[in-house]
Amino acid sequence: RDGTVSTTADTALRATSDVFLNALPHWCYVGDTRRRDSLFLPIEDICRDPKYGKGREAFVMLLGRYGGPSRAETLILLLEDEEVQGHALCGLRLLGVPDAASQARSFLEHPRPWIRKEARKYLDKIGETEE
C-alpha cells in the first residue's frame, strides 16, 4: 500500500510542479516574487520530504532557477538525498554559489553519467578545476 501512496503522491507532485514551473516566470515580473520566502519556504518543505519521492525533482530545480542564493543551504542538504541529488547539484549550478565544491567533487565519480556531467558543469561555473 505504501508504494501506491508514494506513486500517487509522486504523480500529483510532478503534475503540480510542471504547472508551477510554467507559471512562475510570468509571476516573476510582478514585483520580485523570485526570492520571497512566503513562496519558497513551502517549496523547500516539499523538497525535503522524502515521502514525495522523485516528484520533488522539478521543485528542487525551481529552487535553483528562481529561489535565489538563500536557497543554497537547502540544495546542499539535498545533495545527500539520492532521489534528487542530481537536481540539487543542477540547482546549485544555476545559482552559481561556490559553497558545495567539495560535495560536487565527490559526484565526479557518481554511477550516473548525467550527475557526473552536472558536477563538472558546476565546478566549471564556480571556477574550480578537476584534480
C-alpha atoms as a PDB file:
ATOM      1  CA  ARG A   1       0.000   0.000   0.000  1.00  0.00           C
ATOM      2  CA  ASP A   2       2.832   2.413   0.776  1.00  0.00           C
ATOM      3  CA  GLY A   3       4.109   2.059  -2.793  1.00  0.00           C
ATOM      4  CA  THR A   4       0.696   3.094  -4.143  1.00  0.00           C
ATOM      5  CA  VAL A   5       0.561   6.159  -1.920  1.00  0.00           C
ATOM      6  CA  SER A   6       4.088   7.129  -2.898  1.00  0.00           C
ATOM      7  CA  THR A   7       3.335   6.631  -6.601  1.00  0.00           C
ATOM      8  CA  THR A   8       0.146   8.682  -6.353  1.00  0.00           C
ATOM      9  CA  ALA A   9       1.936  11.457  -4.460  1.00  0.00           C
ATOM     10  CA  ASP A  10       4.787  11.319  -6.968  1.00  0.00           C
ATOM     11  CA  THR A  11       2.405  11.667  -9.934  1.00  0.00           C
ATOM     12  CA  ALA A  12       0.480  14.518  -8.305  1.00  0.00           C
ATOM     13  CA  LEU A  13       3.655  16.402  -7.447  1.00  0.00           C
ATOM     14  CA  ARG A  14       5.038  16.014 -10.961  1.00  0.00           C
ATOM     15  CA  ALA A  15       1.843  17.452 -12.475  1.00  0.00           C
ATOM     16  CA  THR A  16       1.748  20.295  -9.954  1.00  0.00           C
ATOM     17  CA  SER A  17       5.402  21.134 -10.433  1.00  0.00           C
ATOM     18  CA  ASP A  18       5.028  21.269 -14.225  1.00  0.00           C
ATOM     19  CA  VAL A  19       2.166  23.764 -13.909  1.00  0.00           C
ATOM     20  CA  PHE A  20       4.112  25.766 -11.343  1.00  0.00           C
ATOM     21  CA  LEU A  21       7.289  25.858 -13.422  1.00  0.00           C
ATOM     22  CA  ASN A  22       5.365  27.100 -16.446  1.00  0.00           C
ATOM     23  CA  ALA A  23       3.596  29.831 -14.464  1.00  0.00           C
ATOM     24  CA  LEU A  24       6.457  31.089 -12.290  1.00  0.00           C
ATOM     25  CA  PRO A  25       8.345  33.085 -14.949  1.00  0.00           C
ATOM     26  CA  HIS A  26       5.203  35.154 -15.535  1.00  0.00           C
ATOM     27  CA  TRP A  27       4.782  35.813 -11.810  1.00  0.00           C
ATOM     28  CA  CYS A  28       8.371  36.999 -11.549  1.00  0.00           C
ATOM     29  CA  TYR A  29       7.573  40.141 -13.483  1.00  0.00           C
ATOM     30  CA  VAL A  30       5.170  41.292 -10.764  1.00  0.00           C
ATOM     31  CA  GLY A  31       7.457  42.598  -8.040  1.00  0.00           C
ATOM     32  CA  ASP A  32      10.290  40.279  -7.161  1.00  0.00           C
ATOM     33  CA  THR A  33       8.369  37.100  -6.452  1.00  0.00           C
ATOM     34  CA  ARG A  34      11.501  35.123  -7.197  1.00  0.00           C
ATOM     35  CA  ARG A  35      13.029  35.496  -3.765  1.00  0.00           C
ATOM     36  CA  ARG A  36      10.029  35.735  -1.459  1.00  0.00           C
ATOM     37  CA  ASP A  37      10.181  33.359   1.486  1.00  0.00           C
ATOM     38  CA  SER A  38       6.385  33.136   1.527  1.00  0.00           C
ATOM     39  CA  LEU A  39       6.605  31.370  -1.816  1.00  0.00           C
ATOM     40  CA  PHE A  40       9.757  29.318  -1.389  1.00  0.00           C
ATOM     41  CA  LEU A  41       9.588  28.076   2.220  1.00  0.00           C
ATOM     42  CA  PRO A  42       6.669  25.713   1.450  1.00  0.00           C
ATOM     43  CA  ILE A  43       8.503  24.534  -1.676  1.00  0.00           C
ATOM     44  CA  GLU A  44      11.579  23.805   0.442  1.00  0.00           C
ATOM     45  CA  ASP A  45       9.387  21.768   2.806  1.00  0.00           C
ATOM     46  CA  ILE A  46       8.183  19.652  -0.121  1.00  0.00           C
ATOM     47  CA  CYS A  47      11.740  19.230  -1.409  1.00  0.00           C
ATOM     48  CA  ARG A  48      12.995  17.978   1.948  1.00  0.00           C
ATOM     49  CA  ASP A  49      10.157  15.484   2.444  1.00  0.00           C
ATOM     50  CA  PRO A  50      11.196  12.085   1.052  1.00  0.00           C
ATOM     51  CA  LYS A  51       7.625  10.797   1.017  1.00  0.00           C
ATOM     52  CA  TYR A  52       7.140  12.701  -2.257  1.00  0.00           C
ATOM     53  CA  GLY A  53       9.915  10.729  -3.937  1.00  0.00           C
ATOM     54  CA  LYS A  54      11.022  11.758  -7.387  1.00  0.00           C
ATOM     55  CA  GLY A  55       8.023  14.077  -7.649  1.00  0.00           C
ATOM     56  CA  ARG A  56      10.274  16.624  -5.923  1.00  0.00           C
ATOM     57  CA  GLU A  57      12.703  16.872  -8.848  1.00  0.00           C
ATOM     58  CA  ALA A  58      11.119  19.886 -10.549  1.00  0.00           C
ATOM     59  CA  PHE A  59      10.612  21.668  -7.228  1.00  0.00           C
ATOM     60  CA  VAL A  60      14.302  21.207  -6.433  1.00  0.00           C
ATOM     61  CA  MET A  61      15.183  22.697  -9.816  1.00  0.00           C
ATOM     62  CA  LEU A  62      12.809  25.554  -9.116  1.00  0.00           C
ATOM     63  CA  LEU A  63      14.803  26.482  -6.003  1.00  0.00           C
ATOM     64  CA  GLY A  64      17.923  26.873  -8.122  1.00  0.00           C
ATOM     65  CA  ARG A  65      16.289  28.612 -11.040  1.00  0.00           C
ATOM     66  CA  TYR A  66      14.130  31.136  -9.192  1.00  0.00           C
ATOM     67  CA  GLY A  67      14.825  30.919  -5.464  1.00  0.00           C
ATOM     68  CA  GLY A  68      17.999  32.947  -5.199  1.00  0.00           C
ATOM     69  CA  PRO A  69      21.146  32.322  -3.162  1.00  0.00           C
ATOM     70  CA  SER A  70      19.214  31.948   0.099  1.00  0.00           C
ATOM     71  CA  ARG A  71      18.050  28.528  -1.188  1.00  0.00           C
ATOM     72  CA  ALA A  72      21.612  27.182  -1.430  1.00  0.00           C
ATOM     73  CA  GLU A  73      21.549  25.714   2.087  1.00  0.00           C
ATOM     74  CA  THR A  74      18.526  23.546   1.255  1.00  0.00           C
ATOM     75  CA  LEU A  75      20.039  22.473  -2.054  1.00  0.00           C
ATOM     76  CA  ILE A  76      23.278  21.491  -0.323  1.00  0.00           C
ATOM     77  CA  LEU A  77      21.313  19.367   2.151  1.00  0.00           C
ATOM     78  CA  LEU A  78      19.518  17.703  -0.764  1.00  0.00           C
ATOM     79  CA  LEU A  79      22.850  16.553  -2.208  1.00  0.00           C
ATOM     80  CA  GLU A  80      22.586  13.724   0.332  1.00  0.00           C
ATOM     81  CA  ASP A  81      19.167  12.631  -0.975  1.00  0.00           C
ATOM     82  CA  GLU A  82      19.735  10.008  -3.683  1.00  0.00           C
ATOM     83  CA  GLU A  83      16.389  10.687  -5.361  1.00  0.00           C
ATOM     84  CA  VAL A  84      17.059  14.378  -6.043  1.00  0.00           C
ATOM     85  CA  GLN A  85      20.806  14.879  -5.574  1.00  0.00           C
ATOM     86  CA  GLY A  86      21.487  15.469  -9.278  1.00  0.00           C
ATOM     87  CA  HIS A  87      18.721  18.043  -9.451  1.00  0.00           C
ATOM     88  CA  ALA A  88      20.067  19.748  -6.322  1.00  0.00           C
ATOM     89  CA  LEU A  89      23.503  19.915  -7.944  1.00  0.00           C
ATOM     90  CA  CYS A  90      21.973  21.457 -11.060  1.00  0.00           C
ATOM     91  CA  GLY A  91      20.115  23.991  -8.905  1.00  0.00           C
ATOM     92  CA  LEU A  92      23.365  24.951  -7.203  1.00  0.00           C
ATOM     93  CA  ARG A  93      24.994  25.379 -10.600  1.00  0.00           C
ATOM     94  CA  LEU A  94      22.185  27.686 -11.695  1.00  0.00           C
ATOM     95  CA  LEU A  95      22.692  29.762  -8.544  1.00  0.00           C
ATOM     96  CA  GLY A  96      26.464  29.812  -9.039  1.00  0.00           C
ATOM     97  CA  VAL A  97      27.181  29.560  -5.322  1.00  0.00           C
ATOM     98  CA  PRO A  98      30.595  28.031  -4.545  1.00  0.00           C
ATOM     99  CA  ASP A  99      29.544  26.506  -1.208  1.00  0.00           C
ATOM    100  CA  ALA A 100      29.214  22.930  -2.472  1.00  0.00           C
ATOM    101  CA  ALA A 101      32.544  22.481  -4.253  1.00  0.00           C
ATOM    102  CA  SER A 102      33.739  19.600  -2.078  1.00  0.00           C
ATOM    103  CA  GLN A 103      30.422  17.747  -2.404  1.00  0.00           C
ATOM    104  CA  ALA A 104      30.418  18.328  -6.175  1.00  0.00           C
ATOM    105  CA  ARG A 105      33.893  16.805  -6.464  1.00  0.00           C
ATOM    106  CA  SER A 106      32.563  13.613  -4.879  1.00  0.00           C
ATOM    107  CA  PHE A 107      29.932  13.420  -7.643  1.00  0.00           C
ATOM    108  CA  LEU A 108      32.633  13.258 -10.337  1.00  0.00           C
ATOM    109  CA  GLU A 109      32.722   9.501  -9.677  1.00  0.00           C
ATOM    110  CA  HIS A 110      28.931   9.056  -9.475  1.00  0.00           C
ATOM    111  CA  PRO A 111      27.495   5.965 -11.253  1.00  0.00           C
ATOM    112  CA  ARG A 112      25.022   8.098 -13.241  1.00  0.00           C
ATOM    113  CA  PRO A 113      26.707   9.872 -16.185  1.00  0.00           C
ATOM    114  CA  TRP A 114      24.360  12.887 -16.140  1.00  0.00           C
ATOM    115  CA  ILE A 115      25.214  13.573 -12.493  1.00  0.00           C
ATOM    116  CA  ARG A 116      28.957  13.337 -13.231  1.00  0.00           C
ATOM    117  CA  LYS A 117      28.436  15.797 -16.090  1.00  0.00           C
ATOM    118  CA  GLU A 118      26.434  18.137 -13.848  1.00  0.00           C
ATOM    119  CA  ALA A 119      29.231  18.037 -11.257  1.00  0.00           C
ATOM    120  CA  ARG A 120      31.767  19.066 -13.920  1.00  0.00           C
ATOM    121  CA  LYS A 121      29.489  21.884 -15.108  1.00  0.00           C
ATOM    122  CA  TYR A 122      29.013  23.123 -11.549  1.00  0.00           C
ATOM    123  CA  LEU A 123      32.754  23.073 -10.813  1.00  0.00           C
ATOM    124  CA  ASP A 124      33.486  24.858 -14.109  1.00  0.00           C
ATOM    125  CA  LYS A 125      30.914  27.548 -13.324  1.00  0.00           C
ATOM    126  CA  ILE A 126      32.368  28.301  -9.902  1.00  0.00           C
ATOM    127  CA  GLY A 127      35.931  28.300 -11.271  1.00  0.00           C
ATOM    128  CA  GLU A 128      37.101  25.066  -9.664  1.00  0.00           C
ATOM    129  CA  THR A 129      39.211  22.741 -11.743  1.00  0.00           C
ATOM    130  CA  GLU A 130      39.143  18.972 -11.605  1.00  0.00           C
ATOM    131  CA  GLU A 131      42.041  17.396  -9.788  1.00  0.00           C
END
